[in-house]
Protein backbone atom coordinates (compact mmCIF):
# COMPACT_ATOMS: atom_id res chain seq x y z
CA MET A 1 -7.03 2.45 -12.70
CA VAL A 2 -3.88 2.49 -10.55
CA ALA A 3 -1.75 -0.62 -10.11
CA VAL A 4 -0.14 -1.30 -6.72
CA ALA A 5 3.28 -2.83 -6.09
CA ALA A 6 4.09 -3.84 -2.51
CA SER A 7 7.41 -3.13 -0.83
CA LEU A 8 8.48 -5.33 2.09
CA TRP A 9 11.40 -3.06 3.01
CA SER A 10 10.01 -2.25 6.49
CA THR A 11 8.69 -5.73 7.23
CA PRO A 12 10.74 -7.57 9.89
CA ARG A 13 12.81 -10.27 8.21
CA ASP A 14 11.27 -13.07 10.25
CA ARG A 15 7.81 -12.07 9.02
CA ILE A 16 8.52 -11.53 5.32
CA ASP A 17 7.22 -14.91 4.11
CA ARG A 18 4.02 -14.69 6.14
CA GLU A 19 3.40 -11.11 5.03
CA ALA A 20 4.05 -12.01 1.40
CA GLU A 21 1.52 -14.82 1.62
CA ARG A 22 -1.03 -12.54 3.31
CA LEU A 23 -0.74 -9.85 0.63
CA ALA A 24 -0.88 -12.36 -2.23
CA GLU A 25 -4.02 -13.91 -0.79
CA ALA A 26 -5.53 -10.41 -0.44
CA GLY A 27 -5.20 -9.78 -4.18
CA LEU A 28 -1.77 -8.19 -4.60
CA ARG A 29 -0.51 -8.49 -8.17
CA ARG A 30 3.06 -7.18 -7.97
CA TRP A 31 6.19 -6.93 -5.78
CA HIS A 32 8.58 -4.00 -5.56
CA TRP A 33 12.09 -5.11 -4.58
CA ASP A 34 14.23 -2.31 -3.17
CA VAL A 35 17.99 -2.74 -3.45
CA SER A 36 20.50 -0.41 -1.77
CA ASP A 37 24.27 -0.39 -1.77
CA GLY A 38 24.45 1.67 1.42
CA VAL A 39 26.11 4.50 -0.51
CA PHE A 40 23.44 5.84 -2.83
CA ALA A 41 20.78 5.21 -0.16
CA ASP A 42 20.58 3.91 3.40
CA PRO A 43 21.47 0.22 3.73
CA GLY A 44 18.61 -2.22 3.33
CA GLY A 45 16.52 -3.94 0.75
CA PHE A 46 16.69 -7.40 -0.76
CA ASP A 47 18.92 -9.70 -2.73
CA VAL A 48 18.11 -11.57 -5.92
CA ASP A 49 17.67 -14.93 -4.19
CA THR A 50 15.06 -13.63 -1.74
CA ALA A 51 13.11 -11.82 -4.45
CA GLY A 52 13.15 -14.88 -6.66
CA ARG A 53 12.06 -17.20 -3.85
CA ILE A 54 9.11 -15.05 -2.81
CA GLY A 55 8.14 -14.43 -6.41
CA ARG A 56 7.99 -18.16 -7.05
CA ALA A 57 6.16 -18.89 -3.80
CA THR A 58 3.44 -16.31 -4.50
CA GLY A 59 3.37 -16.60 -8.29
CA LEU A 60 3.64 -12.81 -8.59
CA PRO A 61 5.93 -10.78 -10.86
CA GLY A 62 8.21 -8.10 -9.49
CA GLU A 63 10.13 -4.96 -10.26
CA ALA A 64 13.64 -4.26 -8.98
CA HIS A 65 14.39 -0.74 -7.75
CA LEU A 66 18.17 -0.38 -7.79
CA MET A 67 19.15 2.39 -5.38
CA VAL A 68 22.81 1.88 -6.16
CA SER A 69 25.60 4.09 -7.43
CA ASN A 70 26.53 1.87 -10.38
CA PRO A 71 23.47 -0.13 -11.48
CA LEU A 72 24.96 -1.50 -14.69
CA SER A 73 26.81 -4.19 -12.77
CA SER A 74 23.58 -5.41 -11.11
CA VAL A 75 21.13 -5.35 -14.00
CA ASP A 76 21.75 -8.82 -15.44
CA ALA A 77 21.11 -10.66 -12.18
CA TRP A 78 17.87 -8.80 -11.50
CA THR A 79 16.44 -9.38 -14.97
CA GLU A 80 16.55 -13.08 -14.10
CA VAL A 81 13.86 -12.66 -11.42
CA CYS A 82 12.03 -9.42 -12.32
CA ASP A 83 10.16 -8.32 -15.43
CA THR A 84 11.07 -4.66 -14.77
CA VAL A 85 14.32 -3.14 -13.53
CA ILE A 86 14.40 0.49 -12.40
CA VAL A 87 17.61 2.51 -12.04
CA HIS A 88 18.16 6.03 -10.75
CA VAL A 89 18.91 8.90 -13.12
CA GLU A 90 21.38 10.16 -10.52
CA ALA A 91 23.46 6.97 -10.81
CA THR A 92 26.57 6.38 -12.90
CA GLU A 93 25.91 5.11 -16.44
CA TRP A 94 22.18 4.98 -15.86
CA GLU A 95 21.44 5.26 -19.59
CA ALA A 96 23.66 2.27 -20.34
CA ALA A 97 21.85 0.36 -17.58
CA VAL A 98 18.49 1.17 -19.20
CA ASP A 99 19.79 -0.13 -22.52
CA GLU A 100 21.05 -3.31 -20.87
CA VAL A 101 17.68 -3.98 -19.21
CA ARG A 102 16.00 -3.65 -22.60
CA HIS A 103 18.67 -5.87 -24.20
CA ARG A 104 17.97 -8.53 -21.59
CA GLY A 105 14.30 -8.60 -22.58
CA ALA A 106 12.95 -6.88 -19.46
CA HIS A 107 11.11 -3.58 -19.13
CA PRO A 108 13.40 -0.66 -18.23
CA GLY A 109 12.49 2.05 -15.77
CA VAL A 110 14.11 5.08 -14.18
CA ALA A 111 13.58 6.57 -10.74
CA ILE A 112 14.08 10.25 -10.03
CA SER A 113 14.80 11.72 -6.60
CA PRO A 114 12.84 14.70 -5.22
CA SER A 115 15.68 17.18 -5.69
CA THR A 116 16.42 16.20 -9.30
CA PRO A 117 14.79 18.40 -11.97
CA LEU A 118 12.39 16.64 -14.32
CA SER A 119 14.23 18.15 -17.27
CA VAL A 120 16.66 15.19 -17.22
CA LEU A 121 13.75 13.08 -18.51
CA ALA A 122 13.03 15.33 -21.49
CA ASP A 123 14.24 12.86 -24.14
CA LEU A 124 13.27 9.65 -22.34
CA PRO A 125 11.40 7.20 -24.61
CA ASP A 126 7.86 6.35 -23.51
CA ASP A 127 8.68 2.65 -23.20
CA VAL A 128 10.82 3.51 -20.15
CA ALA A 129 8.78 3.59 -16.95
CA VAL A 130 9.25 6.60 -14.68
CA LEU A 131 9.14 6.23 -10.89
CA ILE A 132 8.91 9.54 -9.05
CA MET A 133 10.38 9.36 -5.56
CA SER A 134 8.17 11.13 -3.05
CA ILE A 135 10.77 10.73 -0.28
CA THR A 136 14.56 10.66 -0.18
CA PRO A 137 15.61 7.22 -1.52
CA GLY A 138 16.10 4.68 1.24
CA LYS A 139 14.21 6.65 3.91
CA ALA A 140 11.41 4.13 4.44
CA GLY A 141 8.66 5.53 6.64
CA ALA A 142 9.37 9.16 5.72
CA ARG A 143 6.48 11.51 4.94
CA PHE A 144 5.25 11.94 1.39
CA LEU A 145 6.46 15.22 -0.12
CA PRO A 146 3.44 17.27 -1.35
CA ALA A 147 5.40 18.63 -4.35
CA THR A 148 5.27 15.10 -5.77
CA LEU A 149 1.73 15.66 -7.04
CA GLY A 150 2.84 18.60 -9.17
CA ARG A 151 5.72 16.55 -10.57
CA LEU A 152 3.24 13.84 -11.49
CA THR A 153 1.03 16.32 -13.30
CA SER A 154 4.03 17.47 -15.34
CA LEU A 155 4.61 13.92 -16.59
CA ALA A 156 0.97 12.79 -16.84
CA GLY A 157 0.28 10.85 -20.01
CA ARG A 158 3.31 8.57 -19.87
CA THR A 159 2.44 4.91 -20.32
CA ARG A 160 3.98 3.90 -16.99
CA LEU A 161 4.26 6.61 -14.35
CA GLY A 162 4.73 5.61 -10.73
CA VAL A 163 5.26 7.01 -7.25
CA ASP A 164 7.32 5.52 -4.43
CA GLY A 165 7.63 6.67 -0.82
CA GLY A 166 5.18 7.31 1.99
CA VAL A 167 2.15 6.29 -0.09
CA THR A 168 -0.93 5.88 2.08
CA LEU A 169 -4.32 4.83 0.73
CA ASP A 170 -5.50 8.44 0.38
CA LEU A 171 -2.26 9.42 -1.32
CA ALA A 172 -2.48 6.47 -3.71
CA GLN A 173 -5.83 7.81 -4.86
CA ASP A 174 -4.45 11.35 -5.12
CA CYS A 175 -1.52 10.12 -7.20
CA GLY A 176 -3.89 8.37 -9.57
CA ALA A 177 -5.87 11.58 -9.98
CA HIS A 178 -2.63 13.38 -10.94
CA GLY A 179 -1.58 10.90 -13.63
CA ALA A 180 0.11 7.98 -11.85
CA THR A 181 -0.50 4.57 -13.36
CA TRP A 182 1.06 2.70 -10.43
CA VAL A 183 2.13 3.30 -6.85
CA VAL A 184 4.48 1.55 -4.46
CA SER A 185 3.35 1.11 -0.88
CA GLY A 186 5.09 -0.49 2.05
CA SER A 187 4.25 0.59 5.60
CA SER A 188 0.68 1.68 4.85
CA LEU A 189 -0.32 -1.44 2.93
CA CYS A 190 1.57 -3.93 5.09
CA GLY A 191 0.38 -2.27 8.29
CA CYS A 192 -3.34 -2.36 7.53
CA ASP A 193 -5.75 -4.99 8.85
CA ASP A 194 -7.52 -5.53 5.52
CA PRO A 195 -5.01 -5.37 2.65
CA GLY A 196 -7.64 -6.57 0.20
CA ALA A 197 -9.81 -3.53 0.86
CA TRP A 198 -6.73 -1.27 0.69
CA LEU A 199 -5.76 -2.68 -2.70
CA ARG A 200 -9.27 -2.41 -4.12
CA ALA A 201 -9.69 1.17 -2.96
CA ALA A 202 -6.25 2.24 -4.16
CA SER A 203 -6.75 0.76 -7.61
CA GLY A 204 -10.16 2.35 -8.08
CA HIS A 205 -12.19 -0.85 -7.87
CA ALA A 206 -14.05 0.33 -4.79
CA ALA A 207 -15.10 3.55 -6.48
CA GLN A 208 -16.29 1.69 -9.57
CA SER A 209 -18.37 -0.80 -7.60
CA ALA A 210 -19.94 1.80 -5.32
């Protein structure tokens, strides 16, 4: 079973509330809130107030994905509105940020960019979620890098192993087959006519009921 978190990064700002309502009604169970400082990744993403407002309106939990150079300074605010906070292993003081997330009572996670060797995760405790980037961070709409599936296989067996970037329905299923426990989807999920069917098929429900 693969969980799905929705990213609204590419959704026009004047349609975010309507799209959030549509996805929640379709059966979405989780938000993925991208945050960028414009240095580590292209400018974009969301602030704490917007994430908190939409989370309350839909009744859904969320995870913050901090694509920032120094995440430690942002962790506390995001643990107020998200149950999981993910920082990049390429960022400054990322290990201290992980510790702070845990100290704040939230679930810590790390994201790893396509060019970063998996060896940096060798000593990572299993309670820390791992989010494998399948595109360059901040490049919403970019194509999924095929090498991601091999990277997933190398880490298969972790309690929380995710993929973010260019995830279509078919790729969500492929990621699950290679060990992913959750995927992040934006353009593919938000752009489909029947998000309920997309979510069921991605999670494996459709296959089980067939």
